[in-house]
Amino acid sequence: GFRVAYIVYKTAASLMKAVKESCDDTIILANLTQPPVIGLKKWCQEYAAERPSPNVLQSQIDQFMEDFNKRQELKESQSSDQPDDEGWITVKRKNKYPVLPNGDQEQPSKKKKKKKTELINFYRFEIRESKREHIAQLRKKFEEDKKKIAMMKEARRFKPY
């Protein structure tokens, strides 16, 4: 906007001295043929001048994305499984859940929902019975394995080592 200064003189003599000196450089604040832009129109013009047009902005975005893609391809080609000058291969950790900017990280919840399981062998006598059955099955299998080994020995095909 406009900047205006008001001068207050202490004495009348200093005022007269200032008036006597002629000033050829006159500054006109407002021109009647071309009035200055003020208020909302001025703010809108300043706002529009600060921001680029959509076409210019789109071209800047496209240029940035091309540069970014080139940098990414270069980084991938450098970090691939190609050995460097000395024959070393750089191995990087691949995270299942990559870290997102601003510390936000999406990971599945660590607490898993418990499945409602049917209570098996709730009573003591059921636990004892299931243990007996399990031991009986193991003994039965052991006997079957002994028979198989005996048959293999008879057929002279048994080579434990």
N, C-alpha and C. Protein backbone atom coordinates (compact mmCIF):
# COMPACT_ATOMS: atom_id res chain seq x y z
N GLY A 1 0.82 -1.17 0.00
CA GLY A 1 0.00 0.00 0.00
C GLY A 1 0.86 1.23 0.00
N PHE A 2 0.20 2.30 0.35
CA PHE A 2 0.88 3.60 0.38
C PHE A 2 1.59 3.78 1.70
N ARG A 3 2.67 4.55 1.63
CA ARG A 3 3.38 4.92 2.85
C ARG A 3 3.43 6.44 2.92
N VAL A 4 2.91 6.96 3.97
CA VAL A 4 2.82 8.42 4.13
C VAL A 4 3.50 8.78 5.43
N ALA A 5 4.20 9.88 5.44
CA ALA A 5 4.86 10.35 6.66
C ALA A 5 4.33 11.74 7.00
N TYR A 6 4.09 11.97 8.23
CA TYR A 6 3.66 13.28 8.72
C TYR A 6 4.83 13.88 9.50
N ILE A 7 5.19 15.12 9.15
CA ILE A 7 6.32 15.78 9.80
C ILE A 7 5.77 16.90 10.67
N VAL A 8 6.18 16.90 11.93
CA VAL A 8 5.80 17.95 12.87
C VAL A 8 7.07 18.70 13.24
N TYR A 9 7.08 20.01 12.96
CA TYR A 9 8.26 20.83 13.24
C TYR A 9 8.16 21.42 14.64
N LYS A 10 9.32 21.55 15.30
CA LYS A 10 9.33 22.10 16.65
C LYS A 10 9.12 23.63 16.63
N THR A 11 9.72 24.24 15.64
CA THR A 11 9.61 25.72 15.59
C THR A 11 9.09 26.14 14.23
N ALA A 12 8.55 27.36 14.20
CA ALA A 12 8.04 27.91 12.95
C ALA A 12 9.18 28.23 12.00
N ALA A 13 10.34 28.56 12.56
CA ALA A 13 11.50 28.90 11.72
C ALA A 13 11.94 27.69 10.90
N SER A 14 11.95 26.52 11.51
CA SER A 14 12.34 25.33 10.77
C SER A 14 11.32 25.00 9.69
N LEU A 15 10.05 25.27 9.93
CA LEU A 15 9.01 25.07 8.91
C LEU A 15 9.26 26.00 7.73
N MET A 16 9.57 27.27 8.01
CA MET A 16 9.80 28.25 6.94
C MET A 16 11.04 27.85 6.14
N LYS A 17 12.06 27.34 6.83
CA LYS A 17 13.29 26.93 6.16
C LYS A 17 12.99 25.76 5.20
N ALA A 18 12.16 24.82 5.61
CA ALA A 18 11.81 23.68 4.77
C ALA A 18 10.97 24.11 3.59
N VAL A 19 10.09 25.10 3.76
CA VAL A 19 9.23 25.55 2.67
C VAL A 19 10.05 26.33 1.64
N LYS A 20 11.05 27.10 2.09
CA LYS A 20 11.87 27.91 1.19
C LYS A 20 12.68 27.03 0.23
N GLU A 21 13.14 25.91 0.69
CA GLU A 21 13.93 25.05 -0.19
C GLU A 21 12.99 24.44 -1.23
N SER A 22 13.33 24.59 -2.48
CA SER A 22 12.47 24.09 -3.55
C SER A 22 12.81 22.63 -3.81
N CYS A 23 11.80 21.91 -4.08
CA CYS A 23 11.97 20.48 -4.37
C CYS A 23 11.43 20.25 -5.76
N ASP A 24 12.31 19.91 -6.66
CA ASP A 24 11.89 19.69 -8.04
C ASP A 24 11.35 18.28 -8.23
N ASP A 25 11.77 17.37 -7.37
CA ASP A 25 11.32 15.98 -7.49
C ASP A 25 10.02 15.80 -6.72
N THR A 26 8.92 15.94 -7.42
CA THR A 26 7.62 15.76 -6.78
C THR A 26 7.18 14.33 -7.00
N ILE A 27 6.70 13.74 -5.95
CA ILE A 27 6.23 12.35 -6.02
C ILE A 27 4.72 12.37 -5.92
N ILE A 28 4.09 11.84 -6.95
CA ILE A 28 2.62 11.80 -6.97
C ILE A 28 2.19 10.42 -6.49
N LEU A 29 1.36 10.42 -5.47
CA LEU A 29 0.93 9.15 -4.90
C LEU A 29 -0.14 8.48 -5.75
N ALA A 30 -1.07 9.26 -6.30
CA ALA A 30 -2.15 8.67 -7.07
C ALA A 30 -2.28 9.42 -8.38
N ASN A 31 -2.44 8.66 -9.47
CA ASN A 31 -2.64 9.25 -10.79
C ASN A 31 -4.10 9.06 -11.13
N LEU A 32 -4.75 10.13 -11.57
CA LEU A 32 -6.19 10.05 -11.84
C LEU A 32 -6.49 9.23 -13.09
N THR A 33 -5.59 9.23 -14.08
CA THR A 33 -5.84 8.45 -15.29
C THR A 33 -5.61 6.96 -15.04
N GLN A 34 -4.63 6.65 -14.20
CA GLN A 34 -4.33 5.25 -13.86
C GLN A 34 -4.32 5.12 -12.35
N PRO A 35 -5.47 4.87 -11.75
CA PRO A 35 -5.50 4.77 -10.29
C PRO A 35 -4.76 3.52 -9.82
N PRO A 36 -4.11 3.59 -8.67
CA PRO A 36 -3.37 2.43 -8.18
C PRO A 36 -4.31 1.31 -7.76
N VAL A 37 -3.81 0.09 -7.87
CA VAL A 37 -4.60 -1.08 -7.49
C VAL A 37 -4.49 -1.23 -5.97
N ILE A 38 -5.63 -1.24 -5.32
CA ILE A 38 -5.63 -1.35 -3.87
C ILE A 38 -6.70 -2.35 -3.42
N GLY A 39 -6.60 -2.77 -2.18
CA GLY A 39 -7.64 -3.61 -1.59
C GLY A 39 -7.61 -5.03 -2.11
N LEU A 40 -8.82 -5.56 -2.32
CA LEU A 40 -8.98 -6.95 -2.71
C LEU A 40 -8.36 -7.24 -4.07
N LYS A 41 -8.49 -6.29 -5.01
CA LYS A 41 -7.90 -6.51 -6.34
C LYS A 41 -6.38 -6.67 -6.24
N LYS A 42 -5.76 -5.84 -5.40
CA LYS A 42 -4.31 -5.92 -5.23
C LYS A 42 -3.91 -7.27 -4.63
N TRP A 43 -4.64 -7.70 -3.63
CA TRP A 43 -4.35 -8.99 -3.00
C TRP A 43 -4.50 -10.15 -3.98
N CYS A 44 -5.55 -10.08 -4.80
CA CYS A 44 -5.77 -11.15 -5.80
C CYS A 44 -4.63 -11.17 -6.82
N GLN A 45 -4.18 -9.99 -7.25
CA GLN A 45 -3.07 -9.93 -8.20
C GLN A 45 -1.78 -10.49 -7.58
N GLU A 46 -1.51 -10.14 -6.34
CA GLU A 46 -0.33 -10.66 -5.66
C GLU A 46 -0.40 -12.17 -5.50
N TYR A 47 -1.59 -12.67 -5.17
CA TYR A 47 -1.78 -14.12 -5.00
C TYR A 47 -1.54 -14.83 -6.32
N ALA A 48 -2.10 -14.29 -7.41
CA ALA A 48 -1.95 -14.92 -8.72
C ALA A 48 -0.49 -14.86 -9.19
N ALA A 49 0.21 -13.78 -8.85
CA ALA A 49 1.60 -13.64 -9.27
C ALA A 49 2.51 -14.62 -8.54
N GLU A 50 2.16 -14.98 -7.30
CA GLU A 50 2.99 -15.92 -6.52
C GLU A 50 2.87 -17.35 -7.03
N ARG A 51 1.76 -17.72 -7.64
CA ARG A 51 1.53 -19.09 -8.06
C ARG A 51 1.62 -19.21 -9.58
N PRO A 52 2.26 -20.27 -10.06
CA PRO A 52 2.38 -20.44 -11.51
C PRO A 52 1.07 -20.92 -12.12
N SER A 53 0.96 -20.76 -13.42
CA SER A 53 -0.25 -21.21 -14.12
C SER A 53 -0.27 -22.73 -14.14
N PRO A 54 -1.44 -23.32 -14.33
CA PRO A 54 -1.51 -24.80 -14.34
C PRO A 54 -0.60 -25.45 -15.39
N ASN A 55 -0.47 -24.85 -16.55
CA ASN A 55 0.39 -25.44 -17.60
C ASN A 55 1.86 -25.44 -17.16
N VAL A 56 2.31 -24.32 -16.60
CA VAL A 56 3.70 -24.23 -16.15
C VAL A 56 3.92 -25.21 -15.00
N LEU A 57 2.95 -25.26 -14.08
CA LEU A 57 3.07 -26.16 -12.94
C LEU A 57 3.13 -27.62 -13.40
N GLN A 58 2.30 -27.99 -14.38
CA GLN A 58 2.31 -29.36 -14.89
C GLN A 58 3.64 -29.70 -15.53
N SER A 59 4.21 -28.75 -16.27
CA SER A 59 5.51 -29.01 -16.91
C SER A 59 6.60 -29.17 -15.84
N GLN A 60 6.54 -28.38 -14.76
CA GLN A 60 7.51 -28.52 -13.67
C GLN A 60 7.37 -29.88 -12.99
N ILE A 61 6.14 -30.30 -12.78
CA ILE A 61 5.89 -31.61 -12.14
C ILE A 61 6.41 -32.74 -13.02
N ASP A 62 6.13 -32.66 -14.32
CA ASP A 62 6.61 -33.70 -15.24
C ASP A 62 8.14 -33.77 -15.24
N GLN A 63 8.78 -32.62 -15.26
CA GLN A 63 10.24 -32.58 -15.25
C GLN A 63 10.78 -33.19 -13.96
N PHE A 64 10.17 -32.85 -12.84
CA PHE A 64 10.62 -33.40 -11.56
C PHE A 64 10.46 -34.91 -11.53
N MET A 65 9.33 -35.42 -12.02
CA MET A 65 9.09 -36.86 -12.01
C MET A 65 10.07 -37.59 -12.92
N GLU A 66 10.42 -37.01 -14.06
CA GLU A 66 11.42 -37.62 -14.93
C GLU A 66 12.77 -37.72 -14.22
N ASP A 67 13.16 -36.61 -13.57
CA ASP A 67 14.43 -36.61 -12.83
C ASP A 67 14.39 -37.63 -11.70
N PHE A 68 13.28 -37.70 -11.01
CA PHE A 68 13.14 -38.63 -9.89
C PHE A 68 13.25 -40.07 -10.38
N ASN A 69 12.56 -40.38 -11.47
CA ASN A 69 12.62 -41.75 -12.02
C ASN A 69 14.04 -42.11 -12.45
N LYS A 70 14.75 -41.15 -13.05
CA LYS A 70 16.13 -41.41 -13.44
C LYS A 70 16.99 -41.70 -12.21
N ARG A 71 16.80 -40.90 -11.14
CA ARG A 71 17.57 -41.13 -9.92
C ARG A 71 17.25 -42.49 -9.31
N GLN A 72 15.98 -42.89 -9.34
CA GLN A 72 15.58 -44.18 -8.79
C GLN A 72 16.20 -45.32 -9.59
N GLU A 73 16.16 -45.22 -10.92
CA GLU A 73 16.75 -46.26 -11.76
C GLU A 73 18.25 -46.36 -11.53
N LEU A 74 18.90 -45.21 -11.38
CA LEU A 74 20.33 -45.20 -11.11
C LEU A 74 20.63 -45.85 -9.77
N LYS A 75 19.83 -45.53 -8.77
CA LYS A 75 20.02 -46.10 -7.44
C LYS A 75 19.79 -47.61 -7.46
N GLU A 76 18.76 -48.06 -8.19
CA GLU A 76 18.48 -49.50 -8.28
C GLU A 76 19.59 -50.23 -9.01
N SER A 77 20.11 -49.61 -10.07
CA SER A 77 21.17 -50.28 -10.81
C SER A 77 22.45 -50.36 -9.97
N GLN A 78 22.68 -49.37 -9.13
CA GLN A 78 23.86 -49.40 -8.28
C GLN A 78 23.71 -50.38 -7.13
N SER A 79 22.50 -50.52 -6.62
CA SER A 79 22.30 -51.36 -5.44
C SER A 79 21.89 -52.79 -5.80
N SER A 80 21.88 -53.13 -7.07
CA SER A 80 21.48 -54.48 -7.44
C SER A 80 22.58 -55.47 -7.04
N ASP A 81 22.39 -56.70 -7.39
CA ASP A 81 23.32 -57.74 -6.99
C ASP A 81 24.58 -57.78 -7.86
N GLN A 82 24.96 -56.64 -8.40
CA GLN A 82 26.17 -56.58 -9.21
C GLN A 82 27.37 -56.35 -8.29
N PRO A 83 28.44 -57.12 -8.47
CA PRO A 83 29.62 -56.88 -7.64
C PRO A 83 30.29 -55.56 -8.01
N ASP A 84 30.86 -54.88 -7.03
CA ASP A 84 31.53 -53.62 -7.29
C ASP A 84 32.94 -53.88 -7.81
N ASP A 85 33.79 -52.85 -7.80
CA ASP A 85 35.14 -52.96 -8.36
C ASP A 85 35.97 -54.04 -7.68
N GLU A 86 35.79 -54.20 -6.39
CA GLU A 86 36.58 -55.17 -5.64
C GLU A 86 35.93 -56.54 -5.57
N GLY A 87 34.76 -56.71 -6.16
CA GLY A 87 34.10 -58.00 -6.18
C GLY A 87 33.10 -58.20 -5.05
N TRP A 88 32.83 -57.16 -4.26
CA TRP A 88 31.89 -57.27 -3.15
C TRP A 88 30.47 -57.02 -3.63
N ILE A 89 29.53 -57.74 -3.06
CA ILE A 89 28.12 -57.55 -3.37
C ILE A 89 27.45 -56.97 -2.14
N THR A 90 26.77 -55.85 -2.32
CA THR A 90 26.10 -55.20 -1.20
C THR A 90 24.77 -55.89 -0.96
N VAL A 91 24.55 -56.33 0.26
CA VAL A 91 23.31 -56.99 0.62
C VAL A 91 22.54 -56.04 1.51
N LYS A 92 21.29 -55.78 1.15
CA LYS A 92 20.46 -54.88 1.95
C LYS A 92 19.30 -55.63 2.54
N ARG A 93 18.87 -55.13 3.66
CA ARG A 93 17.74 -55.73 4.35
C ARG A 93 16.47 -55.32 3.64
N LYS A 94 15.63 -56.30 3.37
CA LYS A 94 14.34 -56.01 2.75
C LYS A 94 13.28 -56.17 3.81
N ASN A 95 12.63 -55.08 4.13
CA ASN A 95 11.64 -55.07 5.20
C ASN A 95 10.27 -55.38 4.63
N LYS A 96 9.55 -56.24 5.30
CA LYS A 96 8.21 -56.58 4.85
C LYS A 96 7.28 -55.38 4.97
N TYR A 97 7.51 -54.58 6.02
CA TYR A 97 6.70 -53.39 6.26
C TYR A 97 7.61 -52.18 6.19
N PRO A 98 7.70 -51.51 5.03
CA PRO A 98 8.62 -50.39 4.92
C PRO A 98 8.18 -49.22 5.81
N VAL A 99 9.16 -48.44 6.24
CA VAL A 99 8.88 -47.30 7.10
C VAL A 99 8.33 -46.18 6.25
N LEU A 100 7.24 -45.60 6.69
CA LEU A 100 6.63 -44.50 5.97
C LEU A 100 7.10 -43.18 6.54
N PRO A 101 7.02 -42.09 5.75
CA PRO A 101 7.47 -40.81 6.28
C PRO A 101 6.65 -40.38 7.50
N ASN A 102 7.23 -39.49 8.27
CA ASN A 102 6.62 -38.95 9.49
C ASN A 102 6.42 -40.01 10.54
N GLY A 103 7.13 -41.10 10.45
CA GLY A 103 7.06 -42.13 11.49
C GLY A 103 5.80 -42.97 11.46
N ASP A 104 4.91 -42.70 10.51
CA ASP A 104 3.69 -43.52 10.42
C ASP A 104 4.07 -44.86 9.84
N GLN A 105 3.65 -45.92 10.49
CA GLN A 105 4.02 -47.25 10.01
C GLN A 105 2.79 -48.14 10.09
N GLU A 106 2.50 -48.75 8.98
CA GLU A 106 1.35 -49.64 8.95
C GLU A 106 1.84 -51.06 9.14
N GLN A 107 1.47 -51.65 10.26
CA GLN A 107 1.82 -53.03 10.53
C GLN A 107 0.58 -53.72 11.05
N PRO A 108 0.48 -55.00 10.77
CA PRO A 108 -0.66 -55.70 11.31
C PRO A 108 -0.56 -55.72 12.84
N SER A 109 -1.72 -55.74 13.45
CA SER A 109 -1.72 -55.70 14.90
C SER A 109 -1.04 -56.95 15.46
N LYS A 110 -0.24 -56.76 16.50
CA LYS A 110 0.52 -57.87 17.06
C LYS A 110 -0.38 -58.79 17.86
N LYS A 111 -1.46 -58.24 18.37
CA LYS A 111 -2.37 -59.08 19.14
C LYS A 111 -3.27 -59.83 18.17
N LYS A 112 -3.18 -61.11 18.20
CA LYS A 112 -4.02 -61.92 17.32
C LYS A 112 -5.27 -62.31 18.09
N LYS A 113 -6.34 -62.39 17.36
CA LYS A 113 -7.58 -62.80 18.00
C LYS A 113 -7.48 -64.26 18.37
N LYS A 114 -7.85 -64.56 19.58
CA LYS A 114 -7.81 -65.95 20.02
C LYS A 114 -8.98 -66.70 19.41
N LYS A 115 -8.67 -67.84 18.88
CA LYS A 115 -9.73 -68.66 18.33
C LYS A 115 -10.45 -69.33 19.48
N LYS A 116 -11.73 -69.40 19.36
CA LYS A 116 -12.49 -70.10 20.39
C LYS A 116 -12.31 -71.59 20.14
N THR A 117 -11.54 -72.19 20.98
CA THR A 117 -11.29 -73.61 20.80
C THR A 117 -12.18 -74.42 21.72
N GLU A 118 -12.50 -75.57 21.23
CA GLU A 118 -13.33 -76.46 22.02
C GLU A 118 -12.44 -77.10 23.08
N LEU A 119 -12.87 -77.11 24.29
CA LEU A 119 -12.07 -77.69 25.36
C LEU A 119 -12.04 -79.20 25.21
N ILE A 120 -10.82 -79.70 24.96
CA ILE A 120 -10.64 -81.14 24.83
C ILE A 120 -10.01 -81.62 26.13
N ASN A 121 -10.47 -82.74 26.59
CA ASN A 121 -9.97 -83.31 27.85
C ASN A 121 -10.09 -82.31 29.00
N PHE A 122 -11.28 -81.91 29.25
CA PHE A 122 -11.51 -80.93 30.31
C PHE A 122 -11.36 -81.58 31.68
N TYR A 123 -11.85 -82.79 31.81
CA TYR A 123 -11.79 -83.47 33.11
C TYR A 123 -10.52 -84.30 33.22
N ARG A 124 -10.12 -84.60 34.47
CA ARG A 124 -8.89 -85.34 34.72
C ARG A 124 -8.95 -86.76 34.13
N PHE A 125 -10.07 -87.40 34.28
CA PHE A 125 -10.15 -88.79 33.78
C PHE A 125 -10.02 -88.80 32.26
N GLU A 126 -10.48 -87.71 31.56
CA GLU A 126 -10.33 -87.66 30.11
C GLU A 126 -8.84 -87.50 29.73
N ILE A 127 -8.12 -86.69 30.51
CA ILE A 127 -6.69 -86.51 30.25
C ILE A 127 -5.96 -87.84 30.41
N ARG A 128 -6.28 -88.57 31.50
CA ARG A 128 -5.63 -89.87 31.75
C ARG A 128 -5.93 -90.85 30.62
N GLU A 129 -7.19 -90.89 30.19
CA GLU A 129 -7.56 -91.81 29.11
C GLU A 129 -6.83 -91.47 27.81
N SER A 130 -6.73 -90.17 27.49
CA SER A 130 -6.05 -89.79 26.24
C SER A 130 -4.57 -90.14 26.31
N LYS A 131 -3.93 -89.99 27.48
CA LYS A 131 -2.52 -90.39 27.62
C LYS A 131 -2.35 -91.89 27.42
N ARG A 132 -3.27 -92.67 28.03
CA ARG A 132 -3.20 -94.14 27.86
C ARG A 132 -3.33 -94.53 26.40
N GLU A 133 -4.29 -93.88 25.70
CA GLU A 133 -4.49 -94.20 24.28
C GLU A 133 -3.25 -93.85 23.46
N HIS A 134 -2.65 -92.73 23.78
CA HIS A 134 -1.45 -92.31 23.05
C HIS A 134 -0.30 -93.29 23.26
N ILE A 135 -0.10 -93.72 24.50
CA ILE A 135 0.95 -94.68 24.80
C ILE A 135 0.67 -96.02 24.12
N ALA A 136 -0.60 -96.42 24.08
CA ALA A 136 -0.96 -97.67 23.41
C ALA A 136 -0.65 -97.59 21.91
N GLN A 137 -0.93 -96.44 21.30
CA GLN A 137 -0.63 -96.26 19.87
C GLN A 137 0.88 -96.33 19.63
N LEU A 138 1.67 -95.69 20.51
CA LEU A 138 3.12 -95.72 20.36
C LEU A 138 3.66 -97.15 20.46
N ARG A 139 3.12 -97.92 21.43
CA ARG A 139 3.56 -99.31 21.59
C ARG A 139 3.21 -100.14 20.36
N LYS A 140 2.00 -99.93 19.84
CA LYS A 140 1.55 -100.67 18.66
C LYS A 140 2.47 -100.36 17.47
N LYS A 141 2.81 -99.10 17.29
CA LYS A 141 3.69 -98.71 16.19
C LYS A 141 5.08 -99.31 16.39
N PHE A 142 5.56 -99.30 17.63
CA PHE A 142 6.86 -99.87 17.92
C PHE A 142 6.90 -101.35 17.54
N GLU A 143 5.85 -102.08 17.89
CA GLU A 143 5.78 -103.50 17.55
C GLU A 143 5.78 -103.70 16.04
N GLU A 144 5.04 -102.87 15.31
CA GLU A 144 5.00 -102.97 13.86
C GLU A 144 6.39 -102.72 13.27
N ASP A 145 7.09 -101.70 13.80
CA ASP A 145 8.44 -101.40 13.31
C ASP A 145 9.39 -102.56 13.59
N LYS A 146 9.25 -103.21 14.76
CA LYS A 146 10.10 -104.36 15.08
C LYS A 146 9.88 -105.48 14.07
N LYS A 147 8.61 -105.69 13.69
CA LYS A 147 8.30 -106.75 12.72
C LYS A 147 8.92 -106.42 11.36
N LYS A 148 8.85 -105.15 10.97
CA LYS A 148 9.43 -104.75 9.69
C LYS A 148 10.93 -104.97 9.68
N ILE A 149 11.59 -104.61 10.76
CA ILE A 149 13.04 -104.79 10.86
C ILE A 149 13.41 -106.27 10.80
N ALA A 150 12.62 -107.09 11.47
CA ALA A 150 12.88 -108.54 11.44
C ALA A 150 12.74 -109.07 10.03
N MET A 151 11.74 -108.64 9.29
CA MET A 151 11.55 -109.09 7.91
C MET A 151 12.70 -108.63 7.02
N MET A 152 13.18 -107.42 7.24
CA MET A 152 14.29 -106.91 6.45
C MET A 152 15.56 -107.70 6.73
N LYS A 153 15.76 -108.05 8.00
CA LYS A 153 16.95 -108.84 8.36
C LYS A 153 16.89 -110.19 7.67
N GLU A 154 15.72 -110.79 7.61
CA GLU A 154 15.56 -112.09 6.94
C GLU A 154 15.86 -111.95 5.46
N ALA A 155 15.44 -110.86 4.89
CA ALA A 155 15.67 -110.67 3.46
C ALA A 155 17.08 -110.13 3.19
N ARG A 156 17.88 -109.91 4.23
CA ARG A 156 19.25 -109.39 4.17
C ARG A 156 19.31 -108.04 3.47
N ARG A 157 18.29 -107.27 3.64
CA ARG A 157 18.28 -105.92 3.09
C ARG A 157 18.46 -104.87 4.18
N PHE A 158 18.62 -105.30 5.38
CA PHE A 158 18.70 -104.39 6.50
C PHE A 158 20.12 -103.83 6.61
N LYS A 159 20.29 -102.54 6.40
CA LYS A 159 21.57 -101.86 6.56
C LYS A 159 21.34 -100.59 7.37
N PRO A 160 21.47 -100.70 8.67
CA PRO A 160 21.18 -99.52 9.49
C PRO A 160 22.18 -98.39 9.30
N TYR A 161 23.45 -98.72 8.88
CA TYR A 161 24.45 -97.66 8.74
C TYR A 161 25.03 -97.68 7.36
